[in-house]
PDB file of N, CA and C in Angstrom:
ATOM      1  N   MET A   1       9.445  -9.320  10.357  1.00  0.00           N
ATOM      2  CA  MET A   1       8.209  -8.791  10.916  1.00  0.00           C
ATOM      3  C   MET A   1       7.685  -9.720  12.004  1.00  0.00           C
ATOM      4  N   ASN A   2       6.961  -9.131  12.887  1.00  0.00           N
ATOM      5  CA  ASN A   2       6.324  -9.934  13.920  1.00  0.00           C
ATOM      6  C   ASN A   2       5.094 -10.608  13.340  1.00  0.00           C
ATOM      7  N   ASN A   3       4.566 -11.552  14.078  1.00  0.00           N
ATOM      8  CA  ASN A   3       3.369 -12.250  13.629  1.00  0.00           C
ATOM      9  C   ASN A   3       2.143 -11.577  14.238  1.00  0.00           C
ATOM     10  N   ASP A   4       1.951 -10.306  13.946  1.00  0.00           N
ATOM     11  CA  ASP A   4       0.806  -9.579  14.469  1.00  0.00           C
ATOM     12  C   ASP A   4      -0.165  -9.236  13.346  1.00  0.00           C
ATOM     13  N   SER A   5      -1.242  -8.591  13.699  1.00  0.00           N
ATOM     14  CA  SER A   5      -2.290  -8.289  12.716  1.00  0.00           C
ATOM     15  C   SER A   5      -1.799  -7.381  11.598  1.00  0.00           C
ATOM     16  N   SER A   6      -1.020  -6.369  11.925  1.00  0.00           N
ATOM     17  CA  SER A   6      -0.581  -5.447  10.881  1.00  0.00           C
ATOM     18  C   SER A   6       0.355  -6.138   9.889  1.00  0.00           C
ATOM     19  N   SER A   7       1.230  -7.024  10.358  1.00  0.00           N
ATOM     20  CA  SER A   7       2.114  -7.738   9.426  1.00  0.00           C
ATOM     21  C   SER A   7       1.322  -8.722   8.567  1.00  0.00           C
ATOM     22  N   ARG A   8       0.265  -9.291   9.116  1.00  0.00           N
ATOM     23  CA  ARG A   8      -0.612 -10.172   8.336  1.00  0.00           C
ATOM     24  C   ARG A   8      -1.298  -9.379   7.223  1.00  0.00           C
ATOM     25  N   ILE A   9      -1.749  -8.178   7.550  1.00  0.00           N
ATOM     26  CA  ILE A   9      -2.394  -7.321   6.552  1.00  0.00           C
ATOM     27  C   ILE A   9      -1.379  -6.900   5.500  1.00  0.00           C
ATOM     28  N   VAL A  10      -0.170  -6.540   5.923  1.00  0.00           N
ATOM     29  CA  VAL A  10       0.884  -6.137   4.989  1.00  0.00           C
ATOM     30  C   VAL A  10       1.148  -7.250   3.984  1.00  0.00           C
ATOM     31  N   SER A  11       1.288  -8.480   4.456  1.00  0.00           N
ATOM     32  CA  SER A  11       1.602  -9.584   3.541  1.00  0.00           C
ATOM     33  C   SER A  11       0.455  -9.849   2.571  1.00  0.00           C
ATOM     34  N   ARG A  12      -0.771  -9.764   3.033  1.00  0.00           N
ATOM     35  CA  ARG A  12      -1.910 -10.000   2.132  1.00  0.00           C
ATOM     36  C   ARG A  12      -2.095  -8.874   1.124  1.00  0.00           C
ATOM     37  N   VAL A  13      -1.872  -7.643   1.549  1.00  0.00           N
ATOM     38  CA  VAL A  13      -1.993  -6.523   0.611  1.00  0.00           C
ATOM     39  C   VAL A  13      -0.845  -6.574  -0.399  1.00  0.00           C
ATOM     40  N   LYS A  14       0.339  -7.010   0.026  1.00  0.00           N
ATOM     41  CA  LYS A  14       1.454  -7.182  -0.917  1.00  0.00           C
ATOM     42  C   LYS A  14       1.084  -8.188  -2.003  1.00  0.00           C
ATOM     43  N   GLU A  15       0.411  -9.274  -1.629  1.00  0.00           N
ATOM     44  CA  GLU A  15      -0.043 -10.265  -2.607  1.00  0.00           C
ATOM     45  C   GLU A  15      -1.016  -9.613  -3.589  1.00  0.00           C
ATOM     46  N   TRP A  16      -1.910  -8.780  -3.062  1.00  0.00           N
ATOM     47  CA  TRP A  16      -2.880  -8.093  -3.918  1.00  0.00           C
ATOM     48  C   TRP A  16      -2.157  -7.138  -4.855  1.00  0.00           C
ATOM     49  N   ILE A  17      -1.174  -6.405  -4.336  1.00  0.00           N
ATOM     50  CA  ILE A  17      -0.410  -5.443  -5.133  1.00  0.00           C
ATOM     51  C   ILE A  17       0.333  -6.154  -6.262  1.00  0.00           C
ATOM     52  N   ALA A  18       0.860  -7.350  -5.992  1.00  0.00           N
ATOM     53  CA  ALA A  18       1.623  -8.097  -6.995  1.00  0.00           C
ATOM     54  C   ALA A  18       0.785  -8.379  -8.239  1.00  0.00           C
ATOM     55  N   GLY A  19      -0.516  -8.537  -8.071  1.00  0.00           N
ATOM     56  CA  GLY A  19      -1.382  -8.814  -9.208  1.00  0.00           C
ATOM     57  C   GLY A  19      -2.088  -7.594  -9.763  1.00  0.00           C
ATOM     58  N   ALA A  20      -1.832  -6.436  -9.172  1.00  0.00           N
ATOM     59  CA  ALA A  20      -2.522  -5.214  -9.593  1.00  0.00           C
ATOM     60  C   ALA A  20      -1.640  -4.386 -10.519  1.00  0.00           C
ATOM     61  N   ALA A  21      -2.285  -3.597 -11.327  1.00  0.00           N
ATOM     62  CA  ALA A  21      -1.567  -2.707 -12.237  1.00  0.00           C
ATOM     63  C   ALA A  21      -1.086  -1.473 -11.485  1.00  0.00           C
ATOM     64  N   PRO A  22       0.016  -0.872 -11.909  1.00  0.00           N
ATOM     65  CA  PRO A  22       0.444   0.382 -11.289  1.00  0.00           C
ATOM     66  C   PRO A  22      -0.660   1.432 -11.398  1.00  0.00           C
ATOM     67  N   GLY A  23      -0.911   2.105 -10.306  1.00  0.00           N
ATOM     68  CA  GLY A  23      -1.972   3.110 -10.286  1.00  0.00           C
ATOM     69  C   GLY A  23      -3.317   2.567  -9.855  1.00  0.00           C
ATOM     70  N   ALA A  24      -3.410   1.250  -9.623  1.00  0.00           N
ATOM     71  CA  ALA A  24      -4.681   0.661  -9.181  1.00  0.00           C
ATOM     72  C   ALA A  24      -5.026   1.172  -7.786  1.00  0.00           C
ATOM     73  N   LYS A  25      -6.296   1.417  -7.563  1.00  0.00           N
ATOM     74  CA  LYS A  25      -6.759   1.944  -6.280  1.00  0.00           C
ATOM     75  C   LYS A  25      -6.986   0.802  -5.296  1.00  0.00           C
ATOM     76  N   LEU A  26      -6.421   0.957  -4.104  1.00  0.00           N
ATOM     77  CA  LEU A  26      -6.631  -0.021  -3.037  1.00  0.00           C
ATOM     78  C   LEU A  26      -8.021   0.163  -2.449  1.00  0.00           C
ATOM     79  N   PRO A  27      -8.553  -0.881  -1.830  1.00  0.00           N
ATOM     80  CA  PRO A  27      -9.828  -0.709  -1.125  1.00  0.00           C
ATOM     81  C   PRO A  27      -9.677   0.349  -0.030  1.00  0.00           C
ATOM     82  N   SER A  28     -10.785   0.949   0.352  1.00  0.00           N
ATOM     83  CA  SER A  28     -10.746   1.980   1.395  1.00  0.00           C
ATOM     84  C   SER A  28     -10.347   1.363   2.735  1.00  0.00           C
ATOM     85  N   THR A  29      -9.949   2.222   3.649  1.00  0.00           N
ATOM     86  CA  THR A  29      -9.571   1.761   4.986  1.00  0.00           C
ATOM     87  C   THR A  29     -10.739   1.038   5.638  1.00  0.00           C
ATOM     88  N   ARG A  30     -11.934   1.545   5.466  1.00  0.00           N
ATOM     89  CA  ARG A  30     -13.122   0.890   6.049  1.00  0.00           C
ATOM     90  C   ARG A  30     -13.313  -0.512   5.483  1.00  0.00           C
ATOM     91  N   GLN A  31     -13.098  -0.653   4.181  1.00  0.00           N
ATOM     92  CA  GLN A  31     -13.229  -1.979   3.572  1.00  0.00           C
ATOM     93  C   GLN A  31     -12.156  -2.930   4.098  1.00  0.00           C
ATOM     94  N   LEU A  32     -10.933  -2.430   4.257  1.00  0.00           N
ATOM     95  CA  LEU A  32      -9.855  -3.270   4.784  1.00  0.00           C
ATOM     96  C   LEU A  32     -10.122  -3.661   6.242  1.00  0.00           C
ATOM     97  N   VAL A  33     -10.670  -2.733   7.020  1.00  0.00           N
ATOM     98  CA  VAL A  33     -11.022  -3.034   8.414  1.00  0.00           C
ATOM     99  C   VAL A  33     -12.027  -4.174   8.452  1.00  0.00           C
ATOM    100  N   ALA A  34     -13.047  -4.106   7.606  1.00  0.00           N
ATOM    101  CA  ALA A  34     -14.073  -5.147   7.571  1.00  0.00           C
ATOM    102  C   ALA A  34     -13.511  -6.467   7.050  1.00  0.00           C
ATOM    103  N   GLU A  35     -12.684  -6.413   6.007  1.00  0.00           N
ATOM    104  CA  GLU A  35     -12.154  -7.627   5.400  1.00  0.00           C
ATOM    105  C   GLU A  35     -11.208  -8.378   6.326  1.00  0.00           C
ATOM    106  N   TYR A  36     -10.341  -7.647   7.019  1.00  0.00           N
ATOM    107  CA  TYR A  36      -9.343  -8.294   7.862  1.00  0.00           C
ATOM    108  C   TYR A  36      -9.740  -8.335   9.334  1.00  0.00           C
ATOM    109  N   GLN A  37     -10.911  -7.810   9.647  1.00  0.00           N
ATOM    110  CA  GLN A  37     -11.433  -7.783  11.009  1.00  0.00           C
ATOM    111  C   GLN A  37     -10.380  -7.257  11.982  1.00  0.00           C
ATOM    112  N   ALA A  38      -9.853  -6.083  11.638  1.00  0.00           N
ATOM    113  CA  ALA A  38      -8.838  -5.426  12.449  1.00  0.00           C
ATOM    114  C   ALA A  38      -9.299  -4.008  12.746  1.00  0.00           C
ATOM    115  N   SER A  39      -8.635  -3.382  13.684  1.00  0.00           N
ATOM    116  CA  SER A  39      -8.994  -2.004  14.028  1.00  0.00           C
ATOM    117  C   SER A  39      -8.469  -1.042  12.959  1.00  0.00           C
ATOM    118  N   PRO A  40      -9.070   0.130  12.857  1.00  0.00           N
ATOM    119  CA  PRO A  40      -8.579   1.124  11.898  1.00  0.00           C
ATOM    120  C   PRO A  40      -7.113   1.501  12.146  1.00  0.00           C
ATOM    121  N   VAL A  41      -6.694   1.528  13.404  1.00  0.00           N
ATOM    122  CA  VAL A  41      -5.305   1.855  13.732  1.00  0.00           C
ATOM    123  C   VAL A  41      -4.361   0.789  13.177  1.00  0.00           C
ATOM    124  N   THR A  42      -4.751  -0.467  13.266  1.00  0.00           N
ATOM    125  CA  THR A  42      -3.929  -1.563  12.748  1.00  0.00           C
ATOM    126  C   THR A  42      -3.822  -1.481  11.234  1.00  0.00           C
ATOM    127  N   VAL A  43      -4.930  -1.189  10.567  1.00  0.00           N
ATOM    128  CA  VAL A  43      -4.919  -1.060   9.106  1.00  0.00           C
ATOM    129  C   VAL A  43      -4.046   0.122   8.699  1.00  0.00           C
ATOM    130  N   GLN A  44      -4.153   1.248   9.400  1.00  0.00           N
ATOM    131  CA  GLN A  44      -3.328   2.411   9.087  1.00  0.00           C
ATOM    132  C   GLN A  44      -1.843   2.106   9.288  1.00  0.00           C
ATOM    133  N   LYS A  45      -1.533   1.333  10.323  1.00  0.00           N
ATOM    134  CA  LYS A  45      -0.141   0.935  10.565  1.00  0.00           C
ATOM    135  C   LYS A  45       0.384   0.091   9.404  1.00  0.00           C
ATOM    136  N   ALA A  46      -0.434  -0.819   8.909  1.00  0.00           N
ATOM    137  CA  ALA A  46      -0.044  -1.659   7.775  1.00  0.00           C
ATOM    138  C   ALA A  46       0.147  -0.813   6.518  1.00  0.00           C
ATOM    139  N   LEU A  47      -0.759   0.119   6.267  1.00  0.00           N
ATOM    140  CA  LEU A  47      -0.642   0.985   5.095  1.00  0.00           C
ATOM    141  C   LEU A  47       0.585   1.886   5.193  1.00  0.00           C
ATOM    142  N   ARG A  48       0.895   2.347   6.395  1.00  0.00           N
ATOM    143  CA  ARG A  48       2.087   3.167   6.598  1.00  0.00           C
ATOM    144  C   ARG A  48       3.347   2.356   6.283  1.00  0.00           C
ATOM    145  N   THR A  49       3.367   1.086   6.685  1.00  0.00           N
ATOM    146  CA  THR A  49       4.494   0.202   6.389  1.00  0.00           C
ATOM    147  C   THR A  49       4.663   0.038   4.887  1.00  0.00           C
ATOM    148  N   LEU A  50       3.575  -0.171   4.167  1.00  0.00           N
ATOM    149  CA  LEU A  50       3.631  -0.333   2.717  1.00  0.00           C
ATOM    150  C   LEU A  50       4.068   0.961   2.026  1.00  0.00           C
ATOM    151  N   THR A  51       3.688   2.100   2.590  1.00  0.00           N
ATOM    152  CA  THR A  51       4.108   3.390   2.040  1.00  0.00           C
ATOM    153  C   THR A  51       5.610   3.570   2.210  1.00  0.00           C
ATOM    154  N   VAL A  52       6.121   3.240   3.385  1.00  0.00           N
ATOM    155  CA  VAL A  52       7.557   3.356   3.651  1.00  0.00           C
ATOM    156  C   VAL A  52       8.347   2.435   2.721  1.00  0.00           C
ATOM    157  N   GLN A  53       7.788   1.274   2.406  1.00  0.00           N
ATOM    158  CA  GLN A  53       8.448   0.331   1.505  1.00  0.00           C
ATOM    159  C   GLN A  53       8.347   0.764   0.043  1.00  0.00           C
ATOM    160  N   GLY A  54       7.592   1.826  -0.225  1.00  0.00           N
ATOM    161  CA  GLY A  54       7.485   2.359  -1.577  1.00  0.00           C
ATOM    162  C   GLY A  54       6.525   1.603  -2.473  1.00  0.00           C
ATOM    163  N   LEU A  55       5.636   0.811  -1.889  1.00  0.00           N
ATOM    164  CA  LEU A  55       4.710   0.017  -2.694  1.00  0.00           C
ATOM    165  C   LEU A  55       3.401   0.736  -2.999  1.00  0.00           C
ATOM    166  N   ILE A  56       3.002   1.643  -2.113  1.00  0.00           N
ATOM    167  CA  ILE A  56       1.750   2.369  -2.303  1.00  0.00           C
ATOM    168  C   ILE A  56       1.981   3.851  -2.035  1.00  0.00           C
ATOM    169  N   GLU A  57       1.044   4.659  -2.508  1.00  0.00           N
ATOM    170  CA  GLU A  57       1.075   6.087  -2.206  1.00  0.00           C
ATOM    171  C   GLU A  57      -0.337   6.553  -1.901  1.00  0.00           C
ATOM    172  N   SER A  58      -0.421   7.452  -0.943  1.00  0.00           N
ATOM    173  CA  SER A  58      -1.710   7.981  -0.529  1.00  0.00           C
ATOM    174  C   SER A  58      -1.913   9.353  -1.148  1.00  0.00           C
ATOM    175  N   ARG A  59      -3.104   9.574  -1.670  1.00  0.00           N
ATOM    176  CA  ARG A  59      -3.475  10.875  -2.204  1.00  0.00           C
ATOM    177  C   ARG A  59      -4.653  11.375  -1.377  1.00  0.00           C
ATOM    178  N   PRO A  60      -4.389  12.321  -0.471  1.00  0.00           N
ATOM    179  CA  PRO A  60      -5.453  12.798   0.424  1.00  0.00           C
ATOM    180  C   PRO A  60      -6.705  13.222  -0.331  1.00  0.00           C
ATOM    181  N   GLY A  61      -7.825  12.721   0.141  1.00  0.00           N
ATOM    182  CA  GLY A  61      -9.105  13.048  -0.470  1.00  0.00           C
ATOM    183  C   GLY A  61      -9.453  12.217  -1.687  1.00  0.00           C
ATOM    184  N   VAL A  62      -8.495  11.399  -2.152  1.00  0.00           N
ATOM    185  CA  VAL A  62      -8.730  10.594  -3.348  1.00  0.00           C
ATOM    186  C   VAL A  62      -8.667   9.112  -3.023  1.00  0.00           C
ATOM    187  N   GLY A  63      -7.612   8.684  -2.322  1.00  0.00           N
ATOM    188  CA  GLY A  63      -7.475   7.277  -1.964  1.00  0.00           C
ATOM    189  C   GLY A  63      -6.019   6.851  -1.904  1.00  0.00           C
ATOM    190  N   THR A  64      -5.818   5.548  -1.825  1.00  0.00           N
ATOM    191  CA  THR A  64      -4.487   4.958  -1.774  1.00  0.00           C
ATOM    192  C   THR A  64      -4.312   4.111  -3.025  1.00  0.00           C
ATOM    193  N   PHE A  65      -3.149   4.239  -3.657  1.00  0.00           N
ATOM    194  CA  PHE A  65      -2.919   3.614  -4.949  1.00  0.00           C
ATOM    195  C   PHE A  65      -1.622   2.840  -4.968  1.00  0.00           C
ATOM    196  N   VAL A  66      -1.574   1.834  -5.850  1.00  0.00           N
ATOM    197  CA  VAL A  66      -0.336   1.099  -6.091  1.00  0.00           C
ATOM    198  C   VAL A  66       0.617   2.082  -6.752  1.00  0.00           C
ATOM    199  N   ARG A  67       1.794   2.162  -6.211  1.00  0.00           N
ATOM    200  CA  ARG A  67       2.759   3.133  -6.724  1.00  0.00           C
ATOM    201  C   ARG A  67       3.316   2.685  -8.064  1.00  0.00           C
ATOM    202  N   ALA A  68       3.347   3.603  -8.995  1.00  0.00           N
ATOM    203  CA  ALA A  68       3.922   3.324 -10.310  1.00  0.00           C
ATOM    204  C   ALA A  68       5.424   3.543 -10.223  1.00  0.00           C
ATOM    205  N   TYR A  69       6.174   2.523 -10.549  1.00  0.00           N
ATOM    206  CA  TYR A  69       7.627   2.642 -10.511  1.00  0.00           C
ATOM    207  C   TYR A  69       8.091   3.367 -11.757  1.00  0.00           C
ATOM    208  N   ARG A  70       8.925   4.339 -11.567  1.00  0.00           N
ATOM    209  CA  ARG A  70       9.463   5.091 -12.693  1.00  0.00           C
ATOM    210  C   ARG A  70      10.900   4.673 -12.909  1.00  0.00           C
ATOM    211  N   THR A  71      11.229   4.450 -14.142  1.00  0.00           N
ATOM    212  CA  THR A  71      12.603   4.083 -14.448  1.00  0.00           C
ATOM    213  C   THR A  71      13.458   5.335 -14.425  1.00  0.00           C
ATOM    214  N   ALA A  72      14.632   5.208 -13.899  1.00  0.00           N
ATOM    215  CA  ALA A  72      15.537   6.346 -13.821  1.00  0.00           C
ATOM    216  C   ALA A  72      16.099   6.648 -15.205  1.00  0.00           C
ATOM    217  N   ARG A  73      16.030   7.890 -15.584  1.00  0.00           N
ATOM    218  CA  ARG A  73      16.596   8.309 -16.859  1.00  0.00           C
ATOM    219  C   ARG A  73      18.003   8.826 -16.617  1.00  0.00           C
ATOM    220  N   PRO A  74      18.891   8.608 -17.562  1.00  0.00           N
ATOM    221  CA  PRO A  74      20.235   9.154 -17.397  1.00  0.00           C
ATOM    222  C   PRO A  74      20.177  10.675 -17.417  1.00  0.00           C
ATOM    223  N   SER A  75      21.075  11.283 -16.681  1.00  0.00           N
ATOM    224  CA  SER A  75      21.125  12.742 -16.627  1.00  0.00           C
ATOM    225  C   SER A  75      21.527  13.309 -17.984  1.00  0.00           C
ATOM    226  N   ASP A  76      20.909  14.416 -18.318  1.00  0.00           N
ATOM    227  CA  ASP A  76      21.213  15.088 -19.582  1.00  0.00           C
ATOM    228  C   ASP A  76      22.069  16.305 -19.257  1.00  0.00           C
ATOM    229  N   TYR A  77      23.338  16.189 -19.571  1.00  0.00           N
ATOM    230  CA  TYR A  77      24.255  17.286 -19.287  1.00  0.00           C
ATOM    231  C   TYR A  77      24.495  18.167 -20.513  1.00  0.00           C
ATOM    232  N   GLY A  78      23.686  17.997 -21.543  1.00  0.00           N
ATOM    233  CA  GLY A  78      23.901  18.728 -22.792  1.00  0.00           C
ATOM    234  C   GLY A  78      23.382  20.117 -22.811  1.00  0.00           C
TER     235      GLY A  78
END
């Protein structure tokens, strides 16, 4: 990653995610903008990166959450 604002936000949110429970709600975009003193576009870029990495999921109208990892079950061919 480059040493830009969005990568800085990604690394700090990853640290937060590491200590959070699956399904925990992330702060709102407005709160992240204020906390990291970045533009909304930069925060959205960071959140998009975390979504692509499979660490968070967005639920429109509800918020952004730490993604719960599901263990793969063996196929049932019976």
